[in-house]
């Protein structure tokens, strides 16, 4: 769990932080938490912007392919569709 807290800003292309991990250096659990964190940040209202519908947020995740785990992005699609319908 601590690894996910510390490393949830790592990207599999090596552009993340704090360690600039690349590819399989990013543990599976961290990859999962990162995809969920990005998606959650997009669909939640922020002081500087309104919340985003699930499908639009999913489109942004898709554009981050190569930074985020592609398999996990695809696995999130049913959730994004459901959130989009509930919005």
PDB file of N, CA and C in Angstrom:
ATOM      1  N   UNK A   1       0.828  -1.190   0.000  1.00  0.00           N
ATOM      2  CA  UNK A   1       0.000   0.000   0.000  1.00  0.00           C
ATOM      3  C   UNK A   1       0.874   1.257   0.000  1.00  0.00           C
ATOM      4  N   UNK A   2       1.936   1.256   0.787  1.00  0.00           N
ATOM      5  CA  UNK A   2       2.813   2.428   0.826  1.00  0.00           C
ATOM      6  C   UNK A   2       3.437   2.705  -0.537  1.00  0.00           C
ATOM      7  N   UNK A   3       3.742   1.647  -1.286  1.00  0.00           N
ATOM      8  CA  UNK A   3       4.302   1.840  -2.630  1.00  0.00           C
ATOM      9  C   UNK A   3       3.325   2.607  -3.512  1.00  0.00           C
ATOM     10  N   UNK A   4       2.037   2.307  -3.406  1.00  0.00           N
ATOM     11  CA  UNK A   4       1.031   3.001  -4.214  1.00  0.00           C
ATOM     12  C   UNK A   4       0.915   4.460  -3.802  1.00  0.00           C
ATOM     13  N   UNK A   5       0.957   4.713  -2.509  1.00  0.00           N
ATOM     14  CA  UNK A   5       0.884   6.094  -2.026  1.00  0.00           C
ATOM     15  C   UNK A   5       2.084   6.883  -2.539  1.00  0.00           C
ATOM     16  N   UNK A   6       3.252   6.286  -2.437  1.00  0.00           N
ATOM     17  CA  UNK A   6       4.479   6.976  -2.831  1.00  0.00           C
ATOM     18  C   UNK A   6       4.593   7.132  -4.347  1.00  0.00           C
ATOM     19  N   UNK A   7       4.134   6.155  -5.097  1.00  0.00           N
ATOM     20  CA  UNK A   7       4.463   6.089  -6.525  1.00  0.00           C
ATOM     21  C   UNK A   7       3.287   6.285  -7.471  1.00  0.00           C
ATOM     22  N   UNK A   8       2.139   6.749  -6.986  1.00  0.00           N
ATOM     23  CA  UNK A   8       0.970   6.819  -7.868  1.00  0.00           C
ATOM     24  C   UNK A   8       1.071   7.888  -8.956  1.00  0.00           C
ATOM     25  N   UNK A   9       2.164   8.635  -8.982  1.00  0.00           N
ATOM     26  CA  UNK A   9       2.394   9.584 -10.074  1.00  0.00           C
ATOM     27  C   UNK A   9       3.423   9.061 -11.077  1.00  0.00           C
ATOM     28  N   UNK A  10       3.832   7.809 -10.920  1.00  0.00           N
ATOM     29  CA  UNK A  10       4.747   7.201 -11.890  1.00  0.00           C
ATOM     30  C   UNK A  10       3.970   6.859 -13.161  1.00  0.00           C
ATOM     31  N   UNK A  11       4.599   7.038 -14.300  1.00  0.00           N
ATOM     32  CA  UNK A  11       4.000   6.710 -15.598  1.00  0.00           C
ATOM     33  C   UNK A  11       4.875   5.656 -16.268  1.00  0.00           C
ATOM     34  N   UNK A  12       4.258   4.706 -16.958  1.00  0.00           N
ATOM     35  CA  UNK A  12       5.043   3.604 -17.499  1.00  0.00           C
ATOM     36  C   UNK A  12       5.997   4.028 -18.620  1.00  0.00           C
ATOM     37  N   UNK A  13       5.846   5.247 -19.135  1.00  0.00           N
ATOM     38  CA  UNK A  13       6.804   5.730 -20.132  1.00  0.00           C
ATOM     39  C   UNK A  13       7.999   6.425 -19.487  1.00  0.00           C
ATOM     40  N   UNK A  14       8.035   6.447 -18.146  1.00  0.00           N
ATOM     41  CA  UNK A  14       9.169   7.028 -17.433  1.00  0.00           C
ATOM     42  C   UNK A  14       9.045   8.508 -17.134  1.00  0.00           C
ATOM     43  N   UNK A  15       7.922   9.147 -17.509  1.00  0.00           N
ATOM     44  CA  UNK A  15       7.775  10.590 -17.309  1.00  0.00           C
ATOM     45  C   UNK A  15       7.225  10.963 -15.938  1.00  0.00           C
ATOM     46  N   UNK A  16       6.895   9.970 -15.121  1.00  0.00           N
ATOM     47  CA  UNK A  16       6.302  10.265 -13.815  1.00  0.00           C
ATOM     48  C   UNK A  16       7.341  10.588 -12.755  1.00  0.00           C
ATOM     49  N   UNK A  17       6.854  10.717 -11.544  1.00  0.00           N
ATOM     50  CA  UNK A  17       7.724  11.009 -10.405  1.00  0.00           C
ATOM     51  C   UNK A  17       7.213  10.247  -9.197  1.00  0.00           C
ATOM     52  N   UNK A  18       7.979  10.016  -8.179  1.00  0.00           N
ATOM     53  CA  UNK A  18       9.243  10.655  -7.813  1.00  0.00           C
ATOM     54  C   UNK A  18      10.495   9.980  -8.377  1.00  0.00           C
ATOM     55  N   UNK A  19      10.385   8.763  -8.915  1.00  0.00           N
ATOM     56  CA  UNK A  19      11.590   8.017  -9.301  1.00  0.00           C
ATOM     57  C   UNK A  19      11.778   7.853 -10.800  1.00  0.00           C
ATOM     58  N   UNK A  20      10.821   8.296 -11.597  1.00  0.00           N
ATOM     59  CA  UNK A  20      10.937   8.132 -13.043  1.00  0.00           C
ATOM     60  C   UNK A  20      10.970   6.673 -13.468  1.00  0.00           C
ATOM     61  N   UNK A  21      10.183   5.842 -12.766  1.00  0.00           N
ATOM     62  CA  UNK A  21      10.135   4.419 -13.106  1.00  0.00           C
ATOM     63  C   UNK A  21       9.598   4.237 -14.516  1.00  0.00           C
ATOM     64  N   UNK A  22       9.990   3.150 -15.153  1.00  0.00           N
ATOM     65  CA  UNK A  22       9.624   2.898 -16.547  1.00  0.00           C
ATOM     66  C   UNK A  22       9.159   1.457 -16.698  1.00  0.00           C
ATOM     67  N   UNK A  23       8.123   1.256 -17.515  1.00  0.00           N
ATOM     68  CA  UNK A  23       7.665  -0.089 -17.849  1.00  0.00           C
ATOM     69  C   UNK A  23       7.337  -0.918 -16.624  1.00  0.00           C
ATOM     70  N   UNK A  24       7.892  -2.121 -16.599  1.00  0.00           N
ATOM     71  CA  UNK A  24       7.577  -3.062 -15.526  1.00  0.00           C
ATOM     72  C   UNK A  24       8.235  -2.704 -14.202  1.00  0.00           C
ATOM     73  N   UNK A  25       9.017  -1.623 -14.164  1.00  0.00           N
ATOM     74  CA  UNK A  25       9.515  -1.127 -12.874  1.00  0.00           C
ATOM     75  C   UNK A  25       8.358  -0.589 -12.031  1.00  0.00           C
ATOM     76  N   UNK A  26       7.275  -0.172 -12.695  1.00  0.00           N
ATOM     77  CA  UNK A  26       6.086   0.319 -11.992  1.00  0.00           C
ATOM     78  C   UNK A  26       5.264  -0.909 -11.587  1.00  0.00           C
ATOM     79  N   UNK A  27       5.134  -1.172 -10.289  1.00  0.00           N
ATOM     80  CA  UNK A  27       4.402  -2.365  -9.843  1.00  0.00           C
ATOM     81  C   UNK A  27       2.935  -2.354 -10.303  1.00  0.00           C
ATOM     82  N   UNK A  28       2.375  -3.552 -10.473  1.00  0.00           N
ATOM     83  CA  UNK A  28       0.995  -3.694 -10.946  1.00  0.00           C
ATOM     84  C   UNK A  28      -0.001  -2.911 -10.094  1.00  0.00           C
ATOM     85  N   UNK A  29       0.122  -3.008  -8.771  1.00  0.00           N
ATOM     86  CA  UNK A  29      -0.824  -2.317  -7.895  1.00  0.00           C
ATOM     87  C   UNK A  29      -0.723  -0.804  -8.076  1.00  0.00           C
ATOM     88  N   UNK A  30       0.484  -0.302  -8.266  1.00  0.00           N
ATOM     89  CA  UNK A  30       0.675   1.133  -8.508  1.00  0.00           C
ATOM     90  C   UNK A  30       0.026   1.523  -9.832  1.00  0.00           C
ATOM     91  N   UNK A  31       0.157   0.696 -10.850  1.00  0.00           N
ATOM     92  CA  UNK A  31      -0.481   0.975 -12.144  1.00  0.00           C
ATOM     93  C   UNK A  31      -1.994   1.108 -11.987  1.00  0.00           C
ATOM     94  N   UNK A  32      -2.582   0.188 -11.225  1.00  0.00           N
ATOM     95  CA  UNK A  32      -4.025   0.209 -10.989  1.00  0.00           C
ATOM     96  C   UNK A  32      -4.439   1.469 -10.238  1.00  0.00           C
ATOM     97  N   UNK A  33      -3.740   1.778  -9.174  1.00  0.00           N
ATOM     98  CA  UNK A  33      -4.063   2.966  -8.378  1.00  0.00           C
ATOM     99  C   UNK A  33      -3.903   4.226  -9.221  1.00  0.00           C
ATOM    100  N   UNK A  34      -2.901   4.276 -10.068  1.00  0.00           N
ATOM    101  CA  UNK A  34      -2.667   5.455 -10.905  1.00  0.00           C
ATOM    102  C   UNK A  34      -3.819   5.682 -11.877  1.00  0.00           C
ATOM    103  N   UNK A  35      -4.274   4.631 -12.548  1.00  0.00           N
ATOM    104  CA  UNK A  35      -5.401   4.768 -13.479  1.00  0.00           C
ATOM    105  C   UNK A  35      -6.644   5.249 -12.726  1.00  0.00           C
ATOM    106  N   UNK A  36      -6.909   4.657 -11.582  1.00  0.00           N
ATOM    107  CA  UNK A  36      -8.078   5.060 -10.780  1.00  0.00           C
ATOM    108  C   UNK A  36      -7.942   6.488 -10.276  1.00  0.00           C
ATOM    109  N   UNK A  37      -6.739   6.874  -9.875  1.00  0.00           N
ATOM    110  CA  UNK A  37      -6.502   8.228  -9.376  1.00  0.00           C
ATOM    111  C   UNK A  37      -6.738   9.263 -10.475  1.00  0.00           C
ATOM    112  N   UNK A  38      -6.207   9.015 -11.653  1.00  0.00           N
ATOM    113  CA  UNK A  38      -6.397   9.953 -12.766  1.00  0.00           C
ATOM    114  C   UNK A  38      -7.881  10.048 -13.119  1.00  0.00           C
ATOM    115  N   UNK A  39      -8.539   8.905 -13.239  1.00  0.00           N
ATOM    116  CA  UNK A  39      -9.964   8.901 -13.581  1.00  0.00           C
ATOM    117  C   UNK A  39     -10.778   9.635 -12.511  1.00  0.00           C
ATOM    118  N   UNK A  40     -10.519   9.331 -11.252  1.00  0.00           N
ATOM    119  CA  UNK A  40     -11.231   9.993 -10.158  1.00  0.00           C
ATOM    120  C   UNK A  40     -11.027  11.497 -10.170  1.00  0.00           C
ATOM    121  N   UNK A  41      -9.800  11.925 -10.436  1.00  0.00           N
ATOM    122  CA  UNK A  41      -9.513  13.359 -10.485  1.00  0.00           C
ATOM    123  C   UNK A  41     -10.292  14.039 -11.605  1.00  0.00           C
ATOM    124  N   UNK A  42     -10.503  13.331 -12.705  1.00  0.00           N
ATOM    125  CA  UNK A  42     -11.228  13.918 -13.831  1.00  0.00           C
ATOM    126  C   UNK A  42     -12.731  14.007 -13.586  1.00  0.00           C
ATOM    127  N   UNK A  43     -13.308  13.017 -12.927  1.00  0.00           N
ATOM    128  CA  UNK A  43     -14.772  13.032 -12.755  1.00  0.00           C
ATOM    129  C   UNK A  43     -15.222  13.791 -11.510  1.00  0.00           C
ATOM    130  N   UNK A  44     -14.284  14.141 -10.636  1.00  0.00           N
ATOM    131  CA  UNK A  44     -14.636  14.914  -9.436  1.00  0.00           C
ATOM    132  C   UNK A  44     -14.582  16.404  -9.741  1.00  0.00           C
ATOM    133  N   UNK A  45     -15.483  17.142  -9.127  1.00  0.00           N
ATOM    134  CA  UNK A  45     -15.447  18.602  -9.234  1.00  0.00           C
ATOM    135  C   UNK A  45     -14.207  19.112  -8.530  1.00  0.00           C
ATOM    136  N   UNK A  46     -13.567  20.086  -9.124  1.00  0.00           N
ATOM    137  CA  UNK A  46     -12.390  20.725  -8.537  1.00  0.00           C
ATOM    138  C   UNK A  46     -12.675  22.215  -8.414  1.00  0.00           C
ATOM    139  N   UNK A  47     -11.983  22.910  -7.519  1.00  0.00           N
ATOM    140  CA  UNK A  47     -12.242  24.351  -7.367  1.00  0.00           C
ATOM    141  C   UNK A  47     -12.046  25.133  -8.668  1.00  0.00           C
ATOM    142  N   UNK A  48     -11.217  24.625  -9.550  1.00  0.00           N
ATOM    143  CA  UNK A  48     -10.875  25.334 -10.780  1.00  0.00           C
ATOM    144  C   UNK A  48     -11.621  24.819 -12.018  1.00  0.00           C
ATOM    145  N   UNK A  49     -12.487  23.768 -11.840  1.00  0.00           N
ATOM    146  CA  UNK A  49     -13.261  23.277 -12.985  1.00  0.00           C
ATOM    147  C   UNK A  49     -14.413  22.398 -12.511  1.00  0.00           C
ATOM    148  N   UNK A  50     -15.403  22.262 -13.373  1.00  0.00           N
ATOM    149  CA  UNK A  50     -16.552  21.392 -13.080  1.00  0.00           C
ATOM    150  C   UNK A  50     -16.146  19.930 -13.234  1.00  0.00           C
ATOM    151  N   UNK A  51     -16.976  19.043 -12.707  1.00  0.00           N
ATOM    152  CA  UNK A  51     -16.723  17.615 -12.897  1.00  0.00           C
ATOM    153  C   UNK A  51     -16.917  17.264 -14.372  1.00  0.00           C
ATOM    154  N   UNK A  52     -16.308  16.190 -14.782  1.00  0.00           N
ATOM    155  CA  UNK A  52     -16.356  15.744 -16.162  1.00  0.00           C
ATOM    156  C   UNK A  52     -17.192  14.465 -16.224  1.00  0.00           C
ATOM    157  N   UNK A  53     -17.936  14.265 -17.298  1.00  0.00           N
ATOM    158  CA  UNK A  53     -18.698  13.021 -17.423  1.00  0.00           C
ATOM    159  C   UNK A  53     -17.727  11.847 -17.594  1.00  0.00           C
ATOM    160  N   UNK A  54     -18.199  10.677 -17.225  1.00  0.00           N
ATOM    161  CA  UNK A  54     -17.355   9.491 -17.248  1.00  0.00           C
ATOM    162  C   UNK A  54     -16.776   9.175 -18.612  1.00  0.00           C
ATOM    163  N   UNK A  55     -17.579   9.338 -19.651  1.00  0.00           N
ATOM    164  CA  UNK A  55     -17.105   9.000 -20.991  1.00  0.00           C
ATOM    165  C   UNK A  55     -16.044   9.982 -21.481  1.00  0.00           C
ATOM    166  N   UNK A  56     -16.204  11.250 -21.157  1.00  0.00           N
ATOM    167  CA  UNK A  56     -15.185  12.229 -21.546  1.00  0.00           C
ATOM    168  C   UNK A  56     -13.884  11.947 -20.797  1.00  0.00           C
ATOM    169  N   UNK A  57     -13.998  11.646 -19.510  1.00  0.00           N
ATOM    170  CA  UNK A  57     -12.811  11.309 -18.720  1.00  0.00           C
ATOM    171  C   UNK A  57     -12.128  10.069 -19.288  1.00  0.00           C
ATOM    172  N   UNK A  58     -12.925   9.096 -19.716  1.00  0.00           N
ATOM    173  CA  UNK A  58     -12.358   7.885 -20.307  1.00  0.00           C
ATOM    174  C   UNK A  58     -11.594   8.219 -21.588  1.00  0.00           C
ATOM    175  N   UNK A  59     -12.108   9.136 -22.367  1.00  0.00           N
ATOM    176  CA  UNK A  59     -11.400   9.563 -23.576  1.00  0.00           C
ATOM    177  C   UNK A  59     -10.035  10.146 -23.259  1.00  0.00           C
ATOM    178  N   UNK A  60      -9.957  10.891 -22.173  1.00  0.00           N
ATOM    179  CA  UNK A  60      -8.663  11.437 -21.759  1.00  0.00           C
ATOM    180  C   UNK A  60      -7.724  10.313 -21.340  1.00  0.00           C
ATOM    181  N   UNK A  61      -8.254   9.334 -20.593  1.00  0.00           N
ATOM    182  CA  UNK A  61      -7.421   8.179 -20.230  1.00  0.00           C
ATOM    183  C   UNK A  61      -6.891   7.492 -21.488  1.00  0.00           C
ATOM    184  N   UNK A  62      -7.744   7.319 -22.483  1.00  0.00           N
ATOM    185  CA  UNK A  62      -7.300   6.680 -23.725  1.00  0.00           C
ATOM    186  C   UNK A  62      -6.173   7.477 -24.382  1.00  0.00           C
ATOM    187  N   UNK A  63      -6.249   8.795 -24.296  1.00  0.00           N
ATOM    188  CA  UNK A  63      -5.195   9.624 -24.889  1.00  0.00           C
ATOM    189  C   UNK A  63      -3.880   9.506 -24.114  1.00  0.00           C
ATOM    190  N   UNK A  64      -3.951   8.952 -22.914  1.00  0.00           N
ATOM    191  CA  UNK A  64      -2.754   8.764 -22.091  1.00  0.00           C
ATOM    192  C   UNK A  64      -2.163   7.358 -22.260  1.00  0.00           C
ATOM    193  N   UNK A  65      -2.645   6.620 -23.261  1.00  0.00           N
ATOM    194  CA  UNK A  65      -2.078   5.296 -23.546  1.00  0.00           C
ATOM    195  C   UNK A  65      -0.579   5.456 -23.766  1.00  0.00           C
ATOM    196  N   UNK A  66       0.167   4.561 -23.194  1.00  0.00           N
ATOM    197  CA  UNK A  66       1.623   4.665 -23.245  1.00  0.00           C
ATOM    198  C   UNK A  66       2.191   5.270 -21.978  1.00  0.00           C
ATOM    199  N   UNK A  67       1.392   6.111 -21.321  1.00  0.00           N
ATOM    200  CA  UNK A  67       1.763   6.626 -19.999  1.00  0.00           C
ATOM    201  C   UNK A  67       1.135   5.767 -18.915  1.00  0.00           C
ATOM    202  N   UNK A  68      -0.133   5.389 -19.149  1.00  0.00           N
ATOM    203  CA  UNK A  68      -0.875   4.529 -18.232  1.00  0.00           C
ATOM    204  C   UNK A  68      -0.973   3.136 -18.841  1.00  0.00           C
ATOM    205  N   UNK A  69      -1.286   2.159 -18.034  1.00  0.00           N
ATOM    206  CA  UNK A  69      -1.395   0.770 -18.484  1.00  0.00           C
ATOM    207  C   UNK A  69      -2.617   0.609 -19.393  1.00  0.00           C
ATOM    208  N   UNK A  70      -2.383   0.267 -20.651  1.00  0.00           N
ATOM    209  CA  UNK A  70      -3.462   0.158 -21.642  1.00  0.00           C
ATOM    210  C   UNK A  70      -4.505  -0.888 -21.251  1.00  0.00           C
ATOM    211  N   UNK A  71      -4.068  -2.014 -20.703  1.00  0.00           N
ATOM    212  CA  UNK A  71      -5.015  -3.062 -20.297  1.00  0.00           C
ATOM    213  C   UNK A  71      -5.933  -2.570 -19.187  1.00  0.00           C
ATOM    214  N   UNK A  72      -5.390  -1.809 -18.258  1.00  0.00           N
ATOM    215  CA  UNK A  72      -6.207  -1.286 -17.159  1.00  0.00           C
ATOM    216  C   UNK A  72      -7.156  -0.201 -17.646  1.00  0.00           C
ATOM    217  N   UNK A  73      -6.725   0.588 -18.608  1.00  0.00           N
ATOM    218  CA  UNK A  73      -7.625   1.589 -19.198  1.00  0.00           C
ATOM    219  C   UNK A  73      -8.821   0.882 -19.833  1.00  0.00           C
ATOM    220  N   UNK A  74      -8.555  -0.165 -20.608  1.00  0.00           N
ATOM    221  CA  UNK A  74      -9.653  -0.912 -21.245  1.00  0.00           C
ATOM    222  C   UNK A  74     -10.567  -1.551 -20.202  1.00  0.00           C
ATOM    223  N   UNK A  75      -9.989  -2.055 -19.123  1.00  0.00           N
ATOM    224  CA  UNK A  75     -10.795  -2.692 -18.074  1.00  0.00           C
ATOM    225  C   UNK A  75     -11.717  -1.693 -17.381  1.00  0.00           C
ATOM    226  N   UNK A  76     -11.353  -0.421 -17.394  1.00  0.00           N
ATOM    227  CA  UNK A  76     -12.158   0.612 -16.737  1.00  0.00           C
ATOM    228  C   UNK A  76     -13.347   1.060 -17.591  1.00  0.00           C
ATOM    229  N   UNK A  77     -13.373   0.705 -18.855  1.00  0.00           N
ATOM    230  CA  UNK A  77     -14.409   1.215 -19.765  1.00  0.00           C
ATOM    231  C   UNK A  77     -15.834   0.990 -19.261  1.00  0.00           C
ATOM    232  N   UNK A  78     -16.217  -0.205 -18.769  1.00  0.00           N
ATOM    233  CA  UNK A  78     -17.597  -0.373 -18.286  1.00  0.00           C
ATOM    234  C   UNK A  78     -17.948   0.591 -17.148  1.00  0.00           C
ATOM    235  N   UNK A  79     -16.989   0.895 -16.317  1.00  0.00           N
ATOM    236  CA  UNK A  79     -17.221   1.852 -15.228  1.00  0.00           C
ATOM    237  C   UNK A  79     -17.447   3.237 -15.814  1.00  0.00           C
ATOM    238  N   UNK A  80     -16.622   3.624 -16.762  1.00  0.00           N
ATOM    239  CA  UNK A  80     -16.746   4.945 -17.379  1.00  0.00           C
ATOM    240  C   UNK A  80     -18.089   5.103 -18.080  1.00  0.00           C
ATOM    241  N   UNK A  81     -18.532   4.064 -18.756  1.00  0.00           N
ATOM    242  CA  UNK A  81     -19.836   4.108 -19.432  1.00  0.00           C
ATOM    243  C   UNK A  81     -20.945   4.261 -18.398  1.00  0.00           C
ATOM    244  N   UNK A  82     -20.875   3.504 -17.316  1.00  0.00           N
ATOM    245  CA  UNK A  82     -21.900   3.583 -16.262  1.00  0.00           C
ATOM    246  C   UNK A  82     -21.914   4.957 -15.608  1.00  0.00           C
ATOM    247  N   UNK A  83     -20.745   5.518 -15.340  1.00  0.00           N
ATOM    248  CA  UNK A  83     -20.674   6.856 -14.739  1.00  0.00           C
ATOM    249  C   UNK A  83     -21.209   7.884 -15.725  1.00  0.00           C
ATOM    250  N   UNK A  84     -20.916   7.697 -17.004  1.00  0.00           N
ATOM    251  CA  UNK A  84     -21.425   8.609 -18.030  1.00  0.00           C
ATOM    252  C   UNK A  84     -22.940   8.608 -18.094  1.00  0.00           C
ATOM    253  N   UNK A  85     -23.550   7.461 -17.892  1.00  0.00           N
ATOM    254  CA  UNK A  85     -25.010   7.365 -17.917  1.00  0.00           C
ATOM    255  C   UNK A  85     -25.624   7.947 -16.655  1.00  0.00           C
ATOM    256  N   UNK A  86     -24.885   7.901 -15.560  1.00  0.00           N
ATOM    257  CA  UNK A  86     -25.402   8.417 -14.291  1.00  0.00           C
ATOM    258  C   UNK A  86     -25.212   9.921 -14.176  1.00  0.00           C
ATOM    259  N   UNK A  87     -24.341  10.493 -15.011  1.00  0.00           N
ATOM    260  CA  UNK A  87     -24.051  11.931 -14.916  1.00  0.00           C
ATOM    261  C   UNK A  87     -25.210  12.756 -15.409  1.00  0.00           C
TER     262      UNK A  87
END
